[in-house]
N, C-alpha and C. Protein backbone atom coordinates (compact mmCIF):
# COMPACT_ATOMS: atom_id res chain seq x y z
N MET A 1 104.12 -141.53 169.76
CA MET A 1 104.55 -141.65 168.38
C MET A 1 103.69 -142.71 167.71
N ILE A 2 103.24 -142.42 166.49
CA ILE A 2 102.45 -143.40 165.77
C ILE A 2 103.36 -144.36 165.02
N GLU A 3 102.85 -145.54 164.81
CA GLU A 3 103.62 -146.54 164.08
C GLU A 3 103.24 -146.46 162.61
N VAL A 4 104.26 -146.40 161.77
CA VAL A 4 104.04 -146.35 160.34
C VAL A 4 104.71 -147.57 159.74
N LYS A 5 103.94 -148.33 158.97
CA LYS A 5 104.51 -149.50 158.30
C LYS A 5 104.63 -149.19 156.83
N TYR A 6 105.78 -149.53 156.27
CA TYR A 6 106.04 -149.27 154.86
C TYR A 6 106.72 -150.48 154.27
N PHE A 7 106.21 -150.93 153.15
CA PHE A 7 106.83 -152.01 152.41
C PHE A 7 106.89 -151.58 150.96
N SER A 8 108.09 -151.51 150.43
CA SER A 8 108.28 -151.07 149.06
C SER A 8 107.70 -152.10 148.10
N ASP A 9 107.09 -151.62 147.04
CA ASP A 9 106.58 -152.51 146.01
C ASP A 9 107.49 -152.50 144.78
N ALA A 10 108.73 -152.10 144.98
CA ALA A 10 109.68 -152.06 143.87
C ALA A 10 109.88 -153.45 143.30
N ALA A 11 109.94 -153.55 142.00
CA ALA A 11 110.13 -154.84 141.34
C ALA A 11 111.54 -155.37 141.60
N ASN A 12 112.49 -154.49 141.75
CA ASN A 12 113.88 -154.87 142.02
C ASN A 12 114.04 -155.04 143.53
N PRO A 13 114.36 -156.24 144.00
CA PRO A 13 114.48 -156.47 145.45
C PRO A 13 115.55 -155.61 146.11
N GLN A 14 116.63 -155.33 145.39
CA GLN A 14 117.67 -154.48 145.97
C GLN A 14 117.14 -153.06 146.18
N ARG A 15 116.38 -152.57 145.24
CA ARG A 15 115.78 -151.24 145.38
C ARG A 15 114.79 -151.24 146.54
N ALA A 16 114.05 -152.33 146.71
CA ALA A 16 113.09 -152.42 147.80
C ALA A 16 113.79 -152.33 149.15
N VAL A 17 114.94 -153.00 149.29
CA VAL A 17 115.71 -152.93 150.53
C VAL A 17 116.15 -151.49 150.80
N LEU A 18 116.67 -150.82 149.78
CA LEU A 18 117.11 -149.43 149.95
C LEU A 18 115.95 -148.50 150.29
N ARG A 19 114.81 -148.73 149.66
CA ARG A 19 113.64 -147.89 149.96
C ARG A 19 113.16 -148.10 151.39
N ASN A 20 113.12 -149.33 151.84
CA ASN A 20 112.67 -149.61 153.21
C ASN A 20 113.61 -148.99 154.23
N LEU A 21 114.91 -149.13 154.02
CA LEU A 21 115.89 -148.54 154.93
C LEU A 21 115.81 -147.02 154.88
N GLY A 22 115.71 -146.47 153.69
CA GLY A 22 115.60 -145.02 153.54
C GLY A 22 114.37 -144.46 154.24
N PHE A 23 113.27 -145.19 154.16
CA PHE A 23 112.04 -144.74 154.83
C PHE A 23 112.22 -144.75 156.34
N GLN A 24 112.90 -145.75 156.86
CA GLN A 24 113.16 -145.78 158.31
C GLN A 24 113.96 -144.54 158.73
N LEU A 25 114.96 -144.18 157.94
CA LEU A 25 115.77 -143.01 158.26
C LEU A 25 114.95 -141.72 158.12
N LEU A 26 114.10 -141.66 157.13
CA LEU A 26 113.21 -140.50 156.97
C LEU A 26 112.32 -140.34 158.19
N MET A 27 111.77 -141.43 158.69
CA MET A 27 110.91 -141.37 159.87
C MET A 27 111.70 -140.95 161.11
N ARG A 28 112.96 -141.36 161.20
CA ARG A 28 113.79 -140.90 162.32
C ARG A 28 113.95 -139.39 162.26
N ARG A 29 114.22 -138.86 161.06
CA ARG A 29 114.38 -137.41 160.90
C ARG A 29 113.08 -136.69 161.23
N TYR A 30 111.97 -137.23 160.72
CA TYR A 30 110.66 -136.63 160.98
C TYR A 30 110.35 -136.61 162.48
N HIS A 31 110.66 -137.70 163.15
CA HIS A 31 110.40 -137.78 164.58
C HIS A 31 111.22 -136.75 165.36
N LYS A 32 112.43 -136.49 164.90
CA LYS A 32 113.29 -135.49 165.55
C LYS A 32 112.94 -134.06 165.12
N ARG A 33 111.98 -133.96 164.18
CA ARG A 33 111.55 -132.65 163.67
C ARG A 33 112.70 -131.85 163.09
N GLU A 34 113.49 -132.52 162.28
CA GLU A 34 114.63 -131.87 161.64
C GLU A 34 114.41 -131.81 160.14
N THR A 35 115.02 -130.81 159.52
CA THR A 35 114.98 -130.71 158.07
C THR A 35 116.19 -131.43 157.49
N GLN A 36 116.12 -131.69 156.20
CA GLN A 36 117.27 -132.30 155.54
C GLN A 36 118.48 -131.37 155.61
N ARG A 37 118.23 -130.08 155.50
CA ARG A 37 119.34 -129.11 155.57
C ARG A 37 120.04 -129.14 156.93
N SER A 38 119.26 -129.22 158.00
CA SER A 38 119.89 -129.23 159.32
C SER A 38 120.70 -130.51 159.53
N VAL A 39 120.15 -131.64 159.07
CA VAL A 39 120.90 -132.90 159.17
C VAL A 39 122.14 -132.84 158.29
N ALA A 40 122.01 -132.26 157.10
CA ALA A 40 123.15 -132.14 156.18
C ALA A 40 124.29 -131.37 156.84
N ARG A 41 123.97 -130.28 157.51
CA ARG A 41 125.01 -129.50 158.20
C ARG A 41 125.69 -130.33 159.29
N LYS A 42 124.92 -131.15 159.97
CA LYS A 42 125.46 -131.92 161.09
C LYS A 42 126.32 -133.11 160.65
N ILE A 43 125.96 -133.74 159.52
CA ILE A 43 126.73 -134.91 159.10
C ILE A 43 127.70 -134.62 157.96
N GLY A 44 127.61 -133.43 157.37
CA GLY A 44 128.59 -133.03 156.36
C GLY A 44 128.34 -133.54 154.96
N PHE A 45 127.10 -133.84 154.62
CA PHE A 45 126.75 -134.25 153.26
C PHE A 45 125.64 -133.33 152.76
N PRO A 46 125.57 -133.12 151.45
CA PRO A 46 124.50 -132.26 150.91
C PRO A 46 123.11 -132.84 151.16
N ALA A 47 122.14 -131.95 151.30
CA ALA A 47 120.75 -132.37 151.53
C ALA A 47 120.24 -133.23 150.38
N ALA A 48 120.70 -132.96 149.17
CA ALA A 48 120.26 -133.75 148.01
C ALA A 48 120.67 -135.22 148.15
N GLU A 49 121.84 -135.46 148.73
CA GLU A 49 122.29 -136.84 148.93
C GLU A 49 121.49 -137.52 150.05
N ILE A 50 121.12 -136.77 151.06
CA ILE A 50 120.26 -137.32 152.12
C ILE A 50 118.91 -137.68 151.53
N ASP A 51 118.38 -136.82 150.67
CA ASP A 51 117.11 -137.09 150.02
C ASP A 51 117.19 -138.37 149.18
N ALA A 52 118.28 -138.55 148.46
CA ALA A 52 118.45 -139.75 147.63
C ALA A 52 118.43 -141.01 148.47
N VAL A 53 119.03 -140.96 149.64
CA VAL A 53 119.03 -142.12 150.55
C VAL A 53 117.62 -142.35 151.09
N GLU A 54 116.95 -141.28 151.49
CA GLU A 54 115.62 -141.42 152.09
C GLU A 54 114.59 -141.96 151.12
N VAL A 55 114.72 -141.65 149.83
CA VAL A 55 113.76 -142.17 148.86
C VAL A 55 114.22 -143.49 148.24
N GLY A 56 115.42 -143.93 148.62
CA GLY A 56 115.91 -145.23 148.15
C GLY A 56 116.32 -145.25 146.70
N SER A 57 116.72 -144.10 146.19
CA SER A 57 117.15 -144.07 144.78
C SER A 57 118.54 -144.65 144.66
N GLY A 58 118.87 -145.06 143.48
CA GLY A 58 120.20 -145.62 143.23
C GLY A 58 121.30 -144.59 143.35
N ALA A 59 120.90 -143.31 143.42
CA ALA A 59 121.89 -142.24 143.50
C ALA A 59 122.44 -142.07 144.92
N GLY A 60 121.82 -142.73 145.89
CA GLY A 60 122.28 -142.61 147.27
C GLY A 60 123.64 -143.26 147.46
N HIS A 61 124.50 -142.63 148.22
CA HIS A 61 125.84 -143.14 148.45
C HIS A 61 125.91 -143.89 149.77
N LEU A 62 126.69 -144.93 149.80
CA LEU A 62 126.84 -145.74 151.00
C LEU A 62 127.36 -144.91 152.16
N ALA A 63 128.28 -143.98 151.90
CA ALA A 63 128.83 -143.15 152.97
C ALA A 63 127.75 -142.31 153.64
N VAL A 64 126.80 -141.82 152.86
CA VAL A 64 125.70 -141.03 153.41
C VAL A 64 124.79 -141.93 154.24
N LEU A 65 124.51 -143.11 153.73
CA LEU A 65 123.68 -144.07 154.45
C LEU A 65 124.30 -144.40 155.81
N VAL A 66 125.59 -144.67 155.81
CA VAL A 66 126.27 -145.00 157.07
C VAL A 66 126.27 -143.80 158.01
N ALA A 67 126.52 -142.60 157.50
CA ALA A 67 126.52 -141.40 158.34
C ALA A 67 125.15 -141.16 158.96
N LEU A 68 124.09 -141.38 158.18
CA LEU A 68 122.74 -141.21 158.72
C LEU A 68 122.43 -142.25 159.79
N CYS A 69 122.87 -143.47 159.57
CA CYS A 69 122.65 -144.52 160.57
C CYS A 69 123.34 -144.17 161.88
N TYR A 70 124.57 -143.67 161.80
CA TYR A 70 125.27 -143.26 163.02
C TYR A 70 124.57 -142.08 163.68
N TYR A 71 124.17 -141.10 162.87
CA TYR A 71 123.53 -139.91 163.42
C TYR A 71 122.24 -140.25 164.16
N TYR A 72 121.42 -141.12 163.58
CA TYR A 72 120.15 -141.48 164.20
C TYR A 72 120.26 -142.66 165.15
N GLN A 73 121.45 -143.19 165.28
CA GLN A 73 121.69 -144.38 166.10
C GLN A 73 120.77 -145.51 165.65
N GLN A 74 120.64 -145.63 164.34
CA GLN A 74 119.82 -146.66 163.70
C GLN A 74 120.67 -147.93 163.56
N VAL A 75 120.25 -148.98 164.19
CA VAL A 75 120.96 -150.25 164.09
C VAL A 75 120.52 -150.94 162.81
N VAL A 76 121.49 -151.34 162.01
CA VAL A 76 121.21 -152.04 160.77
C VAL A 76 121.84 -153.41 160.87
N ASP A 77 121.05 -154.43 160.65
CA ASP A 77 121.55 -155.80 160.65
C ASP A 77 122.14 -156.06 159.26
N PHE A 78 123.44 -155.80 159.13
CA PHE A 78 124.08 -155.91 157.83
C PHE A 78 124.15 -157.35 157.33
N ASP A 79 124.12 -158.33 158.23
CA ASP A 79 124.08 -159.73 157.79
C ASP A 79 122.78 -160.00 157.04
N ASN A 80 121.66 -159.58 157.60
CA ASN A 80 120.38 -159.77 156.92
C ASN A 80 120.29 -158.93 155.66
N LEU A 81 120.85 -157.73 155.69
CA LEU A 81 120.86 -156.88 154.52
C LEU A 81 121.64 -157.55 153.39
N GLN A 82 122.77 -158.11 153.72
CA GLN A 82 123.59 -158.80 152.72
C GLN A 82 122.86 -160.03 152.18
N LYS A 83 122.20 -160.77 153.03
CA LYS A 83 121.45 -161.96 152.59
C LYS A 83 120.34 -161.56 151.63
N SER A 84 119.60 -160.50 151.95
CA SER A 84 118.52 -160.08 151.06
C SER A 84 119.08 -159.57 149.74
N TRP A 85 120.24 -158.96 149.79
CA TRP A 85 120.89 -158.47 148.58
C TRP A 85 121.27 -159.65 147.69
N GLN A 86 121.81 -160.72 148.30
CA GLN A 86 122.24 -161.89 147.55
C GLN A 86 121.04 -162.63 146.97
N LEU A 87 119.91 -162.63 147.67
CA LEU A 87 118.72 -163.27 147.15
C LEU A 87 118.22 -162.57 145.89
N ALA A 88 118.53 -161.29 145.77
CA ALA A 88 118.07 -160.53 144.62
C ALA A 88 118.89 -160.86 143.37
N ASP A 89 120.07 -161.38 143.55
CA ASP A 89 120.93 -161.68 142.38
C ASP A 89 120.48 -162.91 141.64
């Protein structure tokens, strides 16, 4: 597997956090060679909502983000996520 590094250049730090996390989830899906539709069927959310999370748009729902993290067994350090969120305020 190749290593891909991504750092969002979003002016809004909160958006940058969501984009970075979304990209990690996108790479997990890509590595598993799954489509958004197949993941959508497995986790019970529409593919459009998965896409919103993967691109880090504000339209992404927290429930979808959490479901994707569980599905991919993606560990998220919510303490650091919360700290970065607070720094943006």
